[in-house]
């Protein structure tokens, strides 16, 4: 299997290689400098049989994260996303996507005031604003996990806050855009779990809803409601 690994600067739209050159590969492996942060055990689950399940199909695989409630941005609704720091995607899906970045003009979202960092008319839900703010500066998103680099928001840290918030928005929108173009998001831990149950069968698996995947993976299942 031919795999091209591309290191992408976080928040960059560029892949560092012409999209037309990707046809020579079976999969593209996208990595950012944040790949070693937070939860990383899913990285150990990648192997050739797992990647063969994705190659040539309308699917991408990585670690799926989620919020407790759906969020809205730019009129789109989402709740889960694939962690963009380390994932695999077929070249055709990447070519259809065109860019990893959806939002490059922050003026629609941010007020410039650290006391109320989002514009009143920003095209994202209040719940999403709370999730972003609590993740960057507070106790996390209510799932028992906190970011290791939390900071106090003031005039000095406001540019950093906006950059991180923009990265979070673009990561959610990346998942939304992939799903809209018909690319299924497959949790790597779930896929490894299923292949182990089937004794590494080469039969192509069907990919269930993301919540089913997270509930059925052998570690770190989604909490049951």
N, C-alpha and C. Protein backbone atom coordinates (compact mmCIF):
# COMPACT_ATOMS: atom_id res chain seq x y z
N UNK A 1 0.85 -1.19 0.00
CA UNK A 1 0.00 0.00 0.00
C UNK A 1 0.89 1.25 0.00
N UNK A 2 0.53 2.19 -0.85
CA UNK A 2 1.31 3.43 -0.97
C UNK A 2 0.64 4.52 -0.13
N UNK A 3 1.37 5.02 0.84
CA UNK A 3 0.84 6.03 1.75
C UNK A 3 1.74 7.26 1.71
N UNK A 4 1.13 8.41 1.53
CA UNK A 4 1.84 9.68 1.56
C UNK A 4 1.55 10.37 2.88
N UNK A 5 2.58 10.65 3.67
CA UNK A 5 2.42 11.38 4.92
C UNK A 5 2.72 12.85 4.69
N UNK A 6 1.76 13.70 5.06
CA UNK A 6 1.91 15.14 4.90
C UNK A 6 1.79 15.80 6.27
N UNK A 7 2.81 16.57 6.61
CA UNK A 7 2.76 17.35 7.85
C UNK A 7 2.12 18.69 7.53
N UNK A 8 1.00 18.98 8.21
CA UNK A 8 0.24 20.19 7.94
C UNK A 8 0.34 21.10 9.14
N UNK A 9 0.73 22.34 8.90
CA UNK A 9 0.74 23.32 9.99
C UNK A 9 -0.68 23.55 10.45
N UNK A 10 -0.91 23.52 11.76
CA UNK A 10 -2.26 23.63 12.30
C UNK A 10 -2.92 24.92 11.80
N UNK A 11 -4.09 24.78 11.20
CA UNK A 11 -4.81 25.94 10.69
C UNK A 11 -4.46 26.31 9.27
N UNK A 12 -3.55 25.53 8.64
CA UNK A 12 -3.16 25.83 7.28
C UNK A 12 -4.05 25.12 6.28
N UNK A 13 -4.34 25.78 5.16
CA UNK A 13 -5.14 25.16 4.12
C UNK A 13 -4.29 24.37 3.14
N UNK A 14 -2.96 24.51 3.23
CA UNK A 14 -2.07 23.94 2.24
C UNK A 14 -1.58 22.56 2.67
N UNK A 15 -1.46 21.67 1.69
CA UNK A 15 -0.97 20.33 1.96
C UNK A 15 0.52 20.21 1.69
N UNK A 16 1.11 21.18 1.04
CA UNK A 16 2.52 21.11 0.71
C UNK A 16 2.78 20.26 -0.52
N UNK A 17 1.74 19.81 -1.20
CA UNK A 17 1.90 19.00 -2.41
C UNK A 17 0.67 19.20 -3.27
N UNK A 18 0.86 19.29 -4.57
CA UNK A 18 -0.26 19.51 -5.47
C UNK A 18 -1.26 18.37 -5.37
N UNK A 19 -2.54 18.74 -5.33
CA UNK A 19 -3.57 17.71 -5.22
C UNK A 19 -3.52 16.71 -6.36
N UNK A 20 -3.11 17.16 -7.53
CA UNK A 20 -3.06 16.26 -8.69
C UNK A 20 -2.01 15.17 -8.52
N UNK A 21 -1.02 15.38 -7.65
CA UNK A 21 0.02 14.39 -7.43
C UNK A 21 -0.40 13.28 -6.47
N UNK A 22 -1.55 13.44 -5.82
CA UNK A 22 -1.96 12.47 -4.81
C UNK A 22 -2.45 11.16 -5.41
N UNK A 23 -2.77 11.17 -6.71
CA UNK A 23 -3.32 9.97 -7.34
C UNK A 23 -2.36 8.79 -7.32
N UNK A 24 -1.09 9.04 -7.09
CA UNK A 24 -0.11 7.96 -7.08
C UNK A 24 -0.15 7.17 -5.77
N UNK A 25 -0.98 7.60 -4.83
CA UNK A 25 -1.01 6.97 -3.51
C UNK A 25 -2.39 6.38 -3.20
N UNK A 26 -2.39 5.37 -2.31
CA UNK A 26 -3.63 4.75 -1.88
C UNK A 26 -4.29 5.52 -0.75
N UNK A 27 -3.47 6.10 0.13
CA UNK A 27 -3.98 6.87 1.26
C UNK A 27 -3.06 8.05 1.50
N UNK A 28 -3.64 9.10 2.08
CA UNK A 28 -2.87 10.24 2.54
C UNK A 28 -2.97 10.29 4.06
N UNK A 29 -1.83 10.40 4.70
CA UNK A 29 -1.75 10.47 6.16
C UNK A 29 -1.47 11.91 6.53
N UNK A 30 -2.42 12.58 7.17
CA UNK A 30 -2.28 13.98 7.55
C UNK A 30 -1.92 14.06 9.03
N UNK A 31 -0.89 14.83 9.34
CA UNK A 31 -0.37 14.94 10.70
C UNK A 31 -0.09 16.41 11.01
N UNK A 32 -0.42 16.83 12.24
CA UNK A 32 -0.02 18.15 12.70
C UNK A 32 0.87 17.99 13.94
N UNK A 33 1.42 19.10 14.40
CA UNK A 33 2.32 19.05 15.56
C UNK A 33 1.60 18.65 16.84
N UNK A 34 0.26 18.65 16.83
CA UNK A 34 -0.51 18.31 18.03
C UNK A 34 -0.81 16.83 18.14
N UNK A 35 -0.22 15.99 17.28
CA UNK A 35 -0.61 14.57 17.27
C UNK A 35 -0.30 13.86 18.58
N UNK A 36 0.68 14.35 19.35
CA UNK A 36 1.05 13.68 20.59
C UNK A 36 0.37 14.22 21.82
N UNK A 37 -0.59 15.12 21.66
CA UNK A 37 -1.26 15.73 22.80
C UNK A 37 -2.54 14.96 23.15
N UNK A 38 -2.95 15.10 24.42
CA UNK A 38 -4.18 14.48 24.93
C UNK A 38 -4.17 12.97 24.68
N UNK A 39 -5.29 12.42 24.29
CA UNK A 39 -5.41 10.97 24.11
C UNK A 39 -4.66 10.53 22.85
N UNK A 40 -3.78 9.55 22.99
CA UNK A 40 -2.97 9.10 21.84
C UNK A 40 -3.00 7.58 21.63
N UNK A 41 -3.69 6.84 22.48
CA UNK A 41 -3.62 5.37 22.37
C UNK A 41 -4.18 4.84 21.05
N UNK A 42 -5.06 5.62 20.42
CA UNK A 42 -5.61 5.17 19.14
C UNK A 42 -4.54 5.03 18.07
N UNK A 43 -3.44 5.81 18.19
CA UNK A 43 -2.38 5.76 17.18
C UNK A 43 -1.77 4.37 17.10
N UNK A 44 -1.74 3.66 18.21
CA UNK A 44 -1.17 2.31 18.22
C UNK A 44 -2.03 1.31 17.45
N UNK A 45 -3.26 1.67 17.13
CA UNK A 45 -4.18 0.71 16.50
C UNK A 45 -4.07 0.67 14.98
N UNK A 46 -3.37 1.62 14.39
CA UNK A 46 -3.22 1.62 12.93
C UNK A 46 -2.30 0.49 12.50
N UNK A 47 -2.75 -0.31 11.52
CA UNK A 47 -1.92 -1.34 10.92
C UNK A 47 -2.42 -1.58 9.50
N UNK A 48 -1.70 -2.35 8.68
CA UNK A 48 -2.11 -2.53 7.28
C UNK A 48 -3.53 -3.05 7.10
N UNK A 49 -3.98 -4.10 7.84
CA UNK A 49 -5.37 -4.56 7.63
C UNK A 49 -6.40 -3.46 7.91
N UNK A 50 -6.14 -2.64 8.92
CA UNK A 50 -7.07 -1.56 9.24
C UNK A 50 -7.11 -0.53 8.11
N UNK A 51 -5.94 -0.15 7.62
CA UNK A 51 -5.90 0.85 6.56
C UNK A 51 -6.47 0.33 5.25
N UNK A 52 -6.38 -0.98 5.02
CA UNK A 52 -6.98 -1.56 3.82
C UNK A 52 -8.49 -1.41 3.81
N UNK A 53 -9.09 -1.28 5.01
CA UNK A 53 -10.53 -1.08 5.09
C UNK A 53 -10.94 0.31 4.59
N UNK A 54 -10.01 1.24 4.55
CA UNK A 54 -10.31 2.62 4.17
C UNK A 54 -9.89 2.93 2.74
N UNK A 55 -8.79 2.35 2.30
CA UNK A 55 -8.25 2.65 0.97
C UNK A 55 -9.28 2.37 -0.11
N UNK A 56 -9.45 3.32 -1.02
CA UNK A 56 -10.36 3.16 -2.15
C UNK A 56 -11.82 3.34 -1.81
N UNK A 57 -12.13 3.74 -0.58
CA UNK A 57 -13.52 3.90 -0.16
C UNK A 57 -13.78 5.36 0.23
N UNK A 58 -15.04 5.71 0.30
CA UNK A 58 -15.42 7.05 0.74
C UNK A 58 -15.44 7.12 2.25
N UNK A 59 -14.26 7.09 2.85
CA UNK A 59 -14.16 7.06 4.31
C UNK A 59 -12.80 7.58 4.74
N UNK A 60 -12.75 8.10 5.96
CA UNK A 60 -11.50 8.53 6.58
C UNK A 60 -11.48 7.97 7.98
N UNK A 61 -10.30 7.68 8.50
CA UNK A 61 -10.22 7.10 9.84
C UNK A 61 -9.23 7.86 10.72
N UNK A 62 -9.66 8.04 11.97
CA UNK A 62 -8.87 8.69 13.00
C UNK A 62 -9.64 8.58 14.30
N UNK A 63 -9.26 9.35 15.28
CA UNK A 63 -9.96 9.31 16.57
C UNK A 63 -11.16 10.25 16.52
N UNK A 64 -12.34 9.73 16.83
CA UNK A 64 -13.55 10.56 16.84
C UNK A 64 -13.78 11.11 18.24
N UNK A 65 -13.86 12.42 18.32
CA UNK A 65 -14.23 13.14 19.53
C UNK A 65 -15.67 13.63 19.38
N UNK A 66 -16.27 14.07 20.49
CA UNK A 66 -17.66 14.51 20.42
C UNK A 66 -17.97 15.46 21.57
N UNK A 67 -19.01 16.24 21.38
CA UNK A 67 -19.56 17.09 22.44
C UNK A 67 -20.79 16.42 23.03
N UNK A 68 -21.15 16.84 24.22
CA UNK A 68 -22.33 16.29 24.87
C UNK A 68 -23.62 16.69 24.17
N UNK A 69 -23.60 17.82 23.49
CA UNK A 69 -24.77 18.30 22.75
C UNK A 69 -24.33 18.76 21.37
N UNK A 70 -25.23 18.73 20.38
CA UNK A 70 -24.89 19.25 19.05
C UNK A 70 -24.57 20.74 19.11
N UNK A 71 -23.73 21.18 18.19
CA UNK A 71 -23.37 22.59 18.08
C UNK A 71 -23.66 23.05 16.65
N UNK A 72 -23.76 24.35 16.49
CA UNK A 72 -24.06 24.91 15.17
C UNK A 72 -23.02 25.97 14.82
N UNK A 73 -22.55 25.93 13.57
CA UNK A 73 -21.61 26.92 13.06
C UNK A 73 -21.89 27.11 11.57
N UNK A 74 -21.98 28.36 11.16
CA UNK A 74 -22.26 28.71 9.76
C UNK A 74 -23.52 28.02 9.24
N UNK A 75 -24.47 27.79 10.11
CA UNK A 75 -25.72 27.16 9.70
C UNK A 75 -25.68 25.64 9.64
N UNK A 76 -24.53 25.05 9.91
CA UNK A 76 -24.39 23.60 9.92
C UNK A 76 -24.40 23.09 11.36
N UNK A 77 -24.94 21.90 11.55
CA UNK A 77 -25.00 21.30 12.87
C UNK A 77 -24.11 20.07 12.92
N UNK A 78 -23.36 19.93 13.99
CA UNK A 78 -22.51 18.77 14.18
C UNK A 78 -22.33 18.48 15.66
N UNK A 79 -21.87 17.30 15.97
CA UNK A 79 -21.61 16.93 17.36
C UNK A 79 -20.30 16.18 17.52
N UNK A 80 -19.88 15.50 16.48
CA UNK A 80 -18.65 14.73 16.56
C UNK A 80 -17.73 15.12 15.41
N UNK A 81 -16.45 14.79 15.56
CA UNK A 81 -15.47 15.12 14.52
C UNK A 81 -14.30 14.18 14.63
N UNK A 82 -13.53 14.08 13.55
CA UNK A 82 -12.31 13.28 13.57
C UNK A 82 -11.16 14.19 13.95
N UNK A 83 -10.33 13.74 14.86
CA UNK A 83 -9.22 14.55 15.32
C UNK A 83 -8.26 14.78 14.16
N UNK A 84 -8.10 16.03 13.76
CA UNK A 84 -7.35 16.35 12.55
C UNK A 84 -5.85 16.26 12.72
N UNK A 85 -5.37 16.02 13.93
CA UNK A 85 -3.93 15.96 14.17
C UNK A 85 -3.29 14.69 13.62
N UNK A 86 -4.09 13.64 13.34
CA UNK A 86 -3.51 12.37 12.91
C UNK A 86 -4.62 11.51 12.33
N UNK A 87 -4.77 11.52 11.01
CA UNK A 87 -5.80 10.68 10.40
C UNK A 87 -5.42 10.32 8.97
N UNK A 88 -6.11 9.31 8.45
CA UNK A 88 -5.85 8.80 7.10
C UNK A 88 -7.10 9.00 6.24
N UNK A 89 -6.87 9.39 4.97
CA UNK A 89 -7.97 9.67 4.07
C UNK A 89 -7.55 9.30 2.64
N UNK A 90 -8.44 8.74 1.83
CA UNK A 90 -8.09 8.45 0.44
C UNK A 90 -7.85 9.74 -0.35
N UNK A 91 -6.96 9.72 -1.32
CA UNK A 91 -6.67 10.93 -2.10
C UNK A 91 -7.91 11.54 -2.74
N UNK A 92 -8.83 10.72 -3.24
CA UNK A 92 -10.01 11.25 -3.92
C UNK A 92 -10.85 12.11 -2.98
N UNK A 93 -10.95 11.70 -1.72
CA UNK A 93 -11.73 12.49 -0.76
C UNK A 93 -11.03 13.81 -0.46
N UNK A 94 -9.71 13.77 -0.38
CA UNK A 94 -8.95 14.98 -0.12
C UNK A 94 -9.04 15.94 -1.30
N UNK A 95 -9.02 15.40 -2.50
CA UNK A 95 -9.15 16.23 -3.69
C UNK A 95 -10.52 16.87 -3.78
N UNK A 96 -11.55 16.12 -3.41
CA UNK A 96 -12.90 16.68 -3.41
C UNK A 96 -13.03 17.78 -2.36
N UNK A 97 -12.43 17.56 -1.22
CA UNK A 97 -12.48 18.54 -0.14
C UNK A 97 -11.82 19.84 -0.55
N UNK A 98 -10.65 19.75 -1.16
CA UNK A 98 -9.98 20.93 -1.67
C UNK A 98 -9.13 21.67 -0.66
N UNK A 99 -9.63 21.89 0.54
CA UNK A 99 -8.90 22.62 1.58
C UNK A 99 -9.31 22.09 2.94
N UNK A 100 -8.37 22.07 3.86
CA UNK A 100 -8.69 21.65 5.22
C UNK A 100 -9.34 22.77 6.02
N UNK A 101 -9.22 23.99 5.55
CA UNK A 101 -9.70 25.15 6.29
C UNK A 101 -10.96 25.71 5.66
N UNK A 102 -11.98 25.92 6.49
CA UNK A 102 -13.24 26.52 6.03
C UNK A 102 -13.27 28.01 6.34
N UNK A 103 -12.85 28.38 7.53
CA UNK A 103 -12.90 29.77 7.99
C UNK A 103 -11.50 30.35 8.01
N UNK A 104 -11.27 31.39 7.23
CA UNK A 104 -9.99 32.10 7.30
C UNK A 104 -10.16 33.58 7.62
N UNK A 105 -11.42 34.04 7.69
CA UNK A 105 -11.70 35.42 8.05
C UNK A 105 -12.34 35.43 9.43
N UNK A 106 -11.59 35.77 10.44
CA UNK A 106 -12.06 35.71 11.82
C UNK A 106 -12.98 36.86 12.18
N UNK A 107 -13.08 37.88 11.34
CA UNK A 107 -13.85 39.07 11.70
C UNK A 107 -15.33 38.78 11.90
N UNK A 108 -15.84 37.72 11.27
CA UNK A 108 -17.25 37.35 11.44
C UNK A 108 -17.54 36.77 12.82
N UNK A 109 -16.50 36.35 13.52
CA UNK A 109 -16.70 35.58 14.75
C UNK A 109 -16.28 36.32 16.02
N UNK A 110 -15.24 37.13 15.94
CA UNK A 110 -14.65 37.66 17.16
C UNK A 110 -14.86 39.16 17.30
N UNK A 111 -15.06 39.58 18.53
CA UNK A 111 -15.39 40.97 18.83
C UNK A 111 -14.18 41.85 19.07
N UNK A 112 -13.06 41.24 19.46
CA UNK A 112 -11.89 42.01 19.85
C UNK A 112 -11.91 42.42 21.31
N UNK A 113 -12.91 41.98 22.04
CA UNK A 113 -13.08 42.32 23.46
C UNK A 113 -12.93 41.06 24.29
N UNK A 114 -11.90 40.94 25.14
CA UNK A 114 -11.73 39.71 25.92
C UNK A 114 -12.85 39.46 26.93
N UNK A 115 -13.62 40.49 27.27
CA UNK A 115 -14.73 40.30 28.20
C UNK A 115 -15.91 39.58 27.53
N UNK A 116 -16.00 39.69 26.21
CA UNK A 116 -17.03 39.00 25.43
C UNK A 116 -16.41 38.70 24.07
N UNK A 117 -15.62 37.65 23.97
CA UNK A 117 -14.76 37.44 22.80
C UNK A 117 -15.49 37.17 21.49
N UNK A 118 -16.72 36.69 21.55
CA UNK A 118 -17.45 36.40 20.32
C UNK A 118 -18.40 37.54 19.99
N UNK A 119 -18.53 37.85 18.72
CA UNK A 119 -19.48 38.87 18.28
C UNK A 119 -20.90 38.43 18.62
N UNK A 120 -21.80 39.37 18.94
CA UNK A 120 -23.19 39.01 19.21
C UNK A 120 -23.87 38.32 18.02
N UNK A 121 -23.43 38.67 16.80
CA UNK A 121 -24.02 38.09 15.60
C UNK A 121 -23.14 37.01 14.98
N UNK A 122 -22.19 36.48 15.75
CA UNK A 122 -21.32 35.42 15.22
C UNK A 122 -22.15 34.22 14.81
N UNK A 123 -21.85 33.61 13.65
CA UNK A 123 -22.64 32.49 13.15
C UNK A 123 -22.29 31.16 13.81
N UNK A 124 -22.42 31.12 15.13
CA UNK A 124 -22.25 29.88 15.87
C UNK A 124 -23.12 29.94 17.12
N UNK A 125 -23.57 28.77 17.54
CA UNK A 125 -24.53 28.69 18.64
C UNK A 125 -23.89 29.08 19.97
N UNK A 126 -24.73 29.52 20.91
CA UNK A 126 -24.24 29.87 22.24
C UNK A 126 -23.61 28.67 22.93
N UNK A 127 -24.17 27.48 22.70
CA UNK A 127 -23.60 26.27 23.30
C UNK A 127 -22.18 26.04 22.80
N UNK A 128 -21.97 26.27 21.51
CA UNK A 128 -20.64 26.09 20.95
C UNK A 128 -19.67 27.11 21.53
N UNK A 129 -20.11 28.33 21.70
CA UNK A 129 -19.28 29.35 22.32
C UNK A 129 -18.86 28.94 23.73
N UNK A 130 -19.80 28.37 24.48
CA UNK A 130 -19.48 27.92 25.84
C UNK A 130 -18.47 26.78 25.82
N UNK A 131 -18.67 25.82 24.90
CA UNK A 131 -17.73 24.71 24.82
C UNK A 131 -16.32 25.22 24.52
N UNK A 132 -16.20 26.10 23.56
CA UNK A 132 -14.88 26.63 23.19
C UNK A 132 -14.26 27.38 24.36
N UNK A 133 -15.03 28.26 24.97
CA UNK A 133 -14.51 29.08 26.06
C UNK A 133 -14.10 28.23 27.26
N UNK A 134 -14.94 27.27 27.62
CA UNK A 134 -14.64 26.42 28.77
C UNK A 134 -13.46 25.50 28.50
N UNK A 135 -13.28 25.07 27.26
CA UNK A 135 -12.14 24.21 26.93
C UNK A 135 -10.84 24.98 27.02
N UNK A 136 -10.83 26.21 26.52
CA UNK A 136 -9.59 26.98 26.48
C UNK A 136 -9.24 27.63 27.82
N UNK A 137 -10.25 27.98 28.60
CA UNK A 137 -9.97 28.77 29.81
C UNK A 137 -10.51 28.17 31.10
N UNK A 138 -11.31 27.11 31.01
CA UNK A 138 -11.98 26.62 32.21
C UNK A 138 -11.86 25.14 32.45
N UNK A 139 -12.99 24.56 32.84
CA UNK A 139 -13.00 23.17 33.31
C UNK A 139 -13.32 22.16 32.22
N UNK A 140 -13.18 22.55 30.96
CA UNK A 140 -13.43 21.62 29.88
C UNK A 140 -14.86 21.66 29.40
N UNK A 141 -15.28 20.60 28.70
CA UNK A 141 -16.60 20.56 28.08
C UNK A 141 -17.58 19.67 28.82
N UNK A 142 -17.29 19.39 30.08
CA UNK A 142 -18.21 18.60 30.88
C UNK A 142 -18.05 17.10 30.73
N UNK A 143 -16.93 16.65 30.17
CA UNK A 143 -16.71 15.22 29.95
C UNK A 143 -15.55 14.68 30.78
N UNK A 144 -15.15 15.46 31.80
CA UNK A 144 -14.10 14.99 32.69
C UNK A 144 -12.69 15.13 32.16
N UNK A 145 -12.52 15.89 31.06
CA UNK A 145 -11.19 16.10 30.48
C UNK A 145 -10.96 17.60 30.37
N UNK A 146 -9.76 18.04 30.73
CA UNK A 146 -9.41 19.45 30.60
C UNK A 146 -8.18 19.60 29.71
N UNK A 147 -8.09 20.74 29.06
CA UNK A 147 -6.94 21.01 28.20
C UNK A 147 -5.73 21.34 29.06
N UNK A 148 -4.58 20.83 28.68
CA UNK A 148 -3.38 21.00 29.50
C UNK A 148 -2.82 22.42 29.46
N UNK A 149 -3.28 23.25 28.52
CA UNK A 149 -2.73 24.59 28.37
C UNK A 149 -3.75 25.68 28.65
N UNK A 150 -4.65 25.44 29.59
CA UNK A 150 -5.66 26.45 29.92
C UNK A 150 -5.00 27.76 30.34
N UNK A 151 -5.66 28.86 30.07
CA UNK A 151 -5.08 30.16 30.38
C UNK A 151 -6.19 31.16 30.72
N UNK A 152 -5.81 32.26 31.29
CA UNK A 152 -6.75 33.33 31.61
C UNK A 152 -6.87 34.25 30.41
N UNK A 153 -8.10 34.54 30.03
CA UNK A 153 -8.33 35.39 28.86
C UNK A 153 -8.27 36.85 29.26
N UNK A 154 -7.38 37.58 28.60
CA UNK A 154 -7.29 39.03 28.78
C UNK A 154 -6.82 39.63 27.46
N UNK A 155 -6.55 40.91 27.45
CA UNK A 155 -6.15 41.58 26.21
C UNK A 155 -4.88 40.97 25.62
N UNK A 156 -3.97 40.53 26.48
CA UNK A 156 -2.71 39.97 26.01
C UNK A 156 -2.89 38.60 25.38
N UNK A 157 -3.77 37.78 25.94
CA UNK A 157 -3.95 36.40 25.43
C UNK A 157 -5.06 36.29 24.39
N UNK A 158 -5.74 37.40 24.11
CA UNK A 158 -6.87 37.34 23.17
C UNK A 158 -6.48 36.83 21.79
N UNK A 159 -5.37 37.26 21.17
CA UNK A 159 -5.01 36.69 19.86
C UNK A 159 -4.81 35.18 19.90
N UNK A 160 -4.19 34.67 20.96
CA UNK A 160 -4.00 33.23 21.10
C UNK A 160 -5.36 32.53 21.24
N UNK A 161 -6.25 33.11 22.01
CA UNK A 161 -7.60 32.57 22.19
C UNK A 161 -8.31 32.47 20.85
N UNK A 162 -8.25 33.52 20.06
CA UNK A 162 -8.92 33.51 18.76
C UNK A 162 -8.33 32.46 17.84
N UNK A 163 -7.01 32.32 17.84
CA UNK A 163 -6.37 31.30 16.99
C UNK A 163 -6.82 29.90 17.37
N UNK A 164 -6.86 29.61 18.67
CA UNK A 164 -7.27 28.28 19.11
C UNK A 164 -8.75 28.04 18.84
N UNK A 165 -9.58 29.04 19.07
CA UNK A 165 -11.01 28.90 18.79
C UNK A 165 -11.24 28.66 17.30
N UNK A 166 -10.50 29.37 16.46
CA UNK A 166 -10.64 29.20 15.02
C UNK A 166 -10.24 27.79 14.60
N UNK A 167 -9.19 27.26 15.21
CA UNK A 167 -8.78 25.89 14.91
C UNK A 167 -9.86 24.89 15.30
N UNK A 168 -10.53 25.11 16.44
CA UNK A 168 -11.61 24.22 16.86
C UNK A 168 -12.78 24.30 15.89
N UNK A 169 -13.11 25.48 15.44
CA UNK A 169 -14.21 25.65 14.49
C UNK A 169 -13.89 24.95 13.17
N UNK A 170 -12.68 25.12 12.69
CA UNK A 170 -12.30 24.49 11.42
C UNK A 170 -12.24 22.97 11.52
N UNK A 171 -11.89 22.45 12.69
CA UNK A 171 -11.88 21.00 12.87
C UNK A 171 -13.30 20.44 12.81
N UNK A 172 -14.25 21.11 13.46
CA UNK A 172 -15.64 20.67 13.40
C UNK A 172 -16.18 20.78 11.97
N UNK A 173 -15.85 21.87 11.30
CA UNK A 173 -16.32 22.06 9.93
C UNK A 173 -15.68 21.10 8.95
N UNK A 174 -14.45 20.67 9.23
CA UNK A 174 -13.83 19.65 8.40
C UNK A 174 -14.65 18.38 8.42
N UNK A 175 -15.08 17.96 9.61
CA UNK A 175 -15.91 16.76 9.72
C UNK A 175 -17.24 16.95 9.02
N UNK A 176 -17.85 18.11 9.19
CA UNK A 176 -19.13 18.39 8.56
C UNK A 176 -19.01 18.34 7.04
N UNK A 177 -17.98 18.95 6.50
CA UNK A 177 -17.79 18.98 5.05
C UNK A 177 -17.51 17.59 4.49
N UNK A 178 -16.72 16.81 5.20
CA UNK A 178 -16.44 15.44 4.74
C UNK A 178 -17.72 14.63 4.69
N UNK A 179 -18.54 14.74 5.72
CA UNK A 179 -19.79 13.98 5.72
C UNK A 179 -20.72 14.47 4.61
N UNK A 180 -20.75 15.77 4.37
CA UNK A 180 -21.61 16.31 3.31
C UNK A 180 -21.19 15.79 1.95
N UNK A 181 -19.92 15.54 1.73
CA UNK A 181 -19.48 15.05 0.43
C UNK A 181 -19.57 13.53 0.34
N UNK A 182 -20.10 12.89 1.40
CA UNK A 182 -20.32 11.44 1.38
C UNK A 182 -19.17 10.64 1.94
N UNK A 183 -18.24 11.29 2.62
CA UNK A 183 -17.11 10.59 3.22
C UNK A 183 -17.45 10.21 4.66
N UNK A 184 -17.47 8.92 4.94
CA UNK A 184 -17.80 8.45 6.29
C UNK A 184 -16.59 8.60 7.21
N UNK A 185 -16.86 8.97 8.45
CA UNK A 185 -15.79 9.08 9.45
C UNK A 185 -15.79 7.83 10.31
N UNK A 186 -14.65 7.19 10.38
CA UNK A 186 -14.53 5.89 11.04
C UNK A 186 -13.56 6.01 12.20
N UNK A 187 -14.04 5.67 13.39
CA UNK A 187 -13.19 5.72 14.57
C UNK A 187 -12.18 4.58 14.51
N UNK A 188 -10.92 4.91 14.64
CA UNK A 188 -9.85 3.92 14.50
C UNK A 188 -9.94 2.82 15.56
N UNK A 189 -10.25 3.20 16.79
CA UNK A 189 -10.36 2.20 17.85
C UNK A 189 -11.50 1.24 17.58
N UNK A 190 -12.64 1.77 17.12
CA UNK A 190 -13.77 0.89 16.77
C UNK A 190 -13.38 -0.06 15.65
N UNK A 191 -12.73 0.47 14.62
CA UNK A 191 -12.37 -0.36 13.48
C UNK A 191 -11.40 -1.46 13.89
N UNK A 192 -10.43 -1.12 14.71
CA UNK A 192 -9.49 -2.13 15.21
C UNK A 192 -10.22 -3.18 16.06
N UNK A 193 -11.19 -2.72 16.85
CA UNK A 193 -11.98 -3.63 17.67
C UNK A 193 -12.74 -4.62 16.80
N UNK A 194 -13.39 -4.12 15.76
CA UNK A 194 -14.17 -4.99 14.87
C UNK A 194 -13.28 -5.98 14.13
N UNK A 195 -12.14 -5.53 13.66
CA UNK A 195 -11.24 -6.44 12.95
C UNK A 195 -10.71 -7.54 13.88
N UNK A 196 -10.46 -7.20 15.14
CA UNK A 196 -10.00 -8.20 16.10
C UNK A 196 -11.10 -9.23 16.35
N UNK A 197 -12.34 -8.76 16.42
CA UNK A 197 -13.46 -9.69 16.63
C UNK A 197 -13.63 -10.62 15.45
N UNK A 198 -13.31 -10.12 14.28
CA UNK A 198 -13.46 -10.92 13.05
C UNK A 198 -12.16 -11.58 12.66
N UNK A 199 -11.17 -11.55 13.57
CA UNK A 199 -9.88 -12.20 13.35
C UNK A 199 -9.21 -11.68 12.07
N UNK A 200 -9.15 -10.34 11.97
CA UNK A 200 -8.48 -9.66 10.86
C UNK A 200 -9.04 -10.05 9.50
N UNK A 201 -10.33 -10.27 9.43
CA UNK A 201 -10.96 -10.59 8.16
C UNK A 201 -10.74 -9.48 7.15
N UNK A 202 -10.53 -9.85 5.88
CA UNK A 202 -10.37 -8.87 4.81
C UNK A 202 -11.69 -8.43 4.22
N UNK A 203 -12.79 -8.98 4.72
CA UNK A 203 -14.10 -8.56 4.25
C UNK A 203 -14.31 -7.08 4.59
N UNK A 204 -14.84 -6.35 3.61
CA UNK A 204 -15.07 -4.92 3.83
C UNK A 204 -16.22 -4.73 4.81
N UNK A 205 -15.97 -3.95 5.84
CA UNK A 205 -16.97 -3.72 6.88
C UNK A 205 -17.88 -2.57 6.51
N UNK A 206 -19.10 -2.62 7.04
CA UNK A 206 -20.00 -1.48 6.97
C UNK A 206 -19.74 -0.60 8.19
N UNK A 207 -19.85 0.70 8.01
CA UNK A 207 -19.53 1.63 9.07
C UNK A 207 -20.81 2.20 9.67
N UNK A 208 -21.10 1.89 10.94
CA UNK A 208 -22.33 2.40 11.56
C UNK A 208 -22.19 3.85 11.98
N UNK A 209 -23.27 4.39 12.53
CA UNK A 209 -23.29 5.76 13.05
C UNK A 209 -22.17 5.95 14.06
N UNK A 210 -21.64 7.17 14.15
CA UNK A 210 -20.48 7.42 15.02
C UNK A 210 -20.77 7.05 16.47
N UNK A 211 -21.99 7.27 16.93
CA UNK A 211 -22.30 6.95 18.33
C UNK A 211 -22.27 5.43 18.55
N UNK A 212 -22.69 4.66 17.57
CA UNK A 212 -22.60 3.20 17.67
C UNK A 212 -21.13 2.78 17.70
N UNK A 213 -20.32 3.39 16.86
CA UNK A 213 -18.89 3.08 16.86
C UNK A 213 -18.27 3.31 18.24
N UNK A 214 -18.56 4.46 18.81
CA UNK A 214 -17.93 4.79 20.09
C UNK A 214 -18.44 3.90 21.22
N UNK A 215 -19.69 3.49 21.13
CA UNK A 215 -20.24 2.60 22.16
C UNK A 215 -19.67 1.19 22.07
N UNK A 216 -19.23 0.80 20.86
CA UNK A 216 -18.78 -0.57 20.65
C UNK A 216 -17.27 -0.74 20.66
N UNK A 217 -16.51 0.35 20.72
CA UNK A 217 -15.06 0.18 20.71
C UNK A 217 -14.60 -0.41 22.04
N UNK A 218 -13.49 -1.12 22.01
CA UNK A 218 -13.09 -1.90 23.18
C UNK A 218 -12.49 -1.07 24.30
N UNK A 219 -12.12 0.18 24.03
CA UNK A 219 -11.69 1.10 25.09
C UNK A 219 -12.33 2.44 24.88
N UNK A 220 -12.49 3.19 25.96
CA UNK A 220 -13.01 4.55 25.89
C UNK A 220 -14.36 4.65 25.19
N UNK A 221 -15.36 3.86 25.61
CA UNK A 221 -16.67 3.95 24.97
C UNK A 221 -17.37 5.26 25.31
N UNK A 222 -18.28 5.64 24.45
CA UNK A 222 -19.07 6.83 24.72
C UNK A 222 -20.00 6.53 25.91
N UNK A 223 -20.18 7.46 26.84
CA UNK A 223 -21.10 7.23 27.97
C UNK A 223 -22.50 6.94 27.47
N UNK A 224 -23.14 5.98 28.09
CA UNK A 224 -24.51 5.64 27.71
C UNK A 224 -25.49 6.62 28.40
N UNK A 225 -26.51 7.00 27.65
CA UNK A 225 -27.51 7.92 28.21
C UNK A 225 -28.74 7.14 28.63
